[in-house]
Amino acid sequence: MLKIHILRNNFLQYKPFFTFLSKFLLFYVFFTFMYKMYLNQYDVVNNEVDYFTEVVANQTKKLMSFFVDNTRSFPHDFEPSIKIFYKDKYVARVIEGCNAISVMILFAAFIFAFSTQWKKTGLYIVSGVILIHILNIIRIALLSFALYYYPEYEEILHGTIFPLFIYGVVFLLWILWVTKFSGYAKRNS
């Protein structure tokens, strides 16, 4: 009987954590599953690129073309990706992982897990996803330019600096949500 009482008290004490964890996992697993189902409709064996990745590649090319001439993009012949060319040099390829959908799902799951009001949560998720998308396009364009001029730094640019940029923004959006908009910090002060 004492063990049940201790377990009950521990559960009640950590209920906010378990609520957060449950909401986060449900949202994340559901939307990750839905995204995988979406991706399964594309034939990667025949190098078919999913729609979102195509949109990201095309918007990256348009952004680059806004600032400079001689920017092109073409589907890759041997893999499901879009090749980006700058000044006739192949500088980058946009693959499924570059479209930031997984980052958006992670962002939204965290926001949902700390939600208290549906309307405010939905608006913040939509605004955050749009911001992440725009910053991702800028990130890929800047990375493409950087790879043209500094190809020897590809590993640090692609593997460290530019991911740090996008994940840093997501982290700041999470902090902003928890401290200013979620209502959670005010409720527990």
Foldseek 3Di string as FASTA:
>chain_A
DVVVVVVVVVCVVCVLVVLLVVQLVVQLVVVVVVVVVQVVVADFQQLAAHPLLVVLVVLLQVVLCVPDPAWDWDRDRGGNWIFIDHPNHGQDIGHPVLSCPNVLSNLLSNLRSLADDDVLSVVLSVVVVVVLRVVSSVLVNVSSVCCVVPVVCNCCSVPPDSVCVSVVVSVVSSVCCNPPNRCPVVVVD
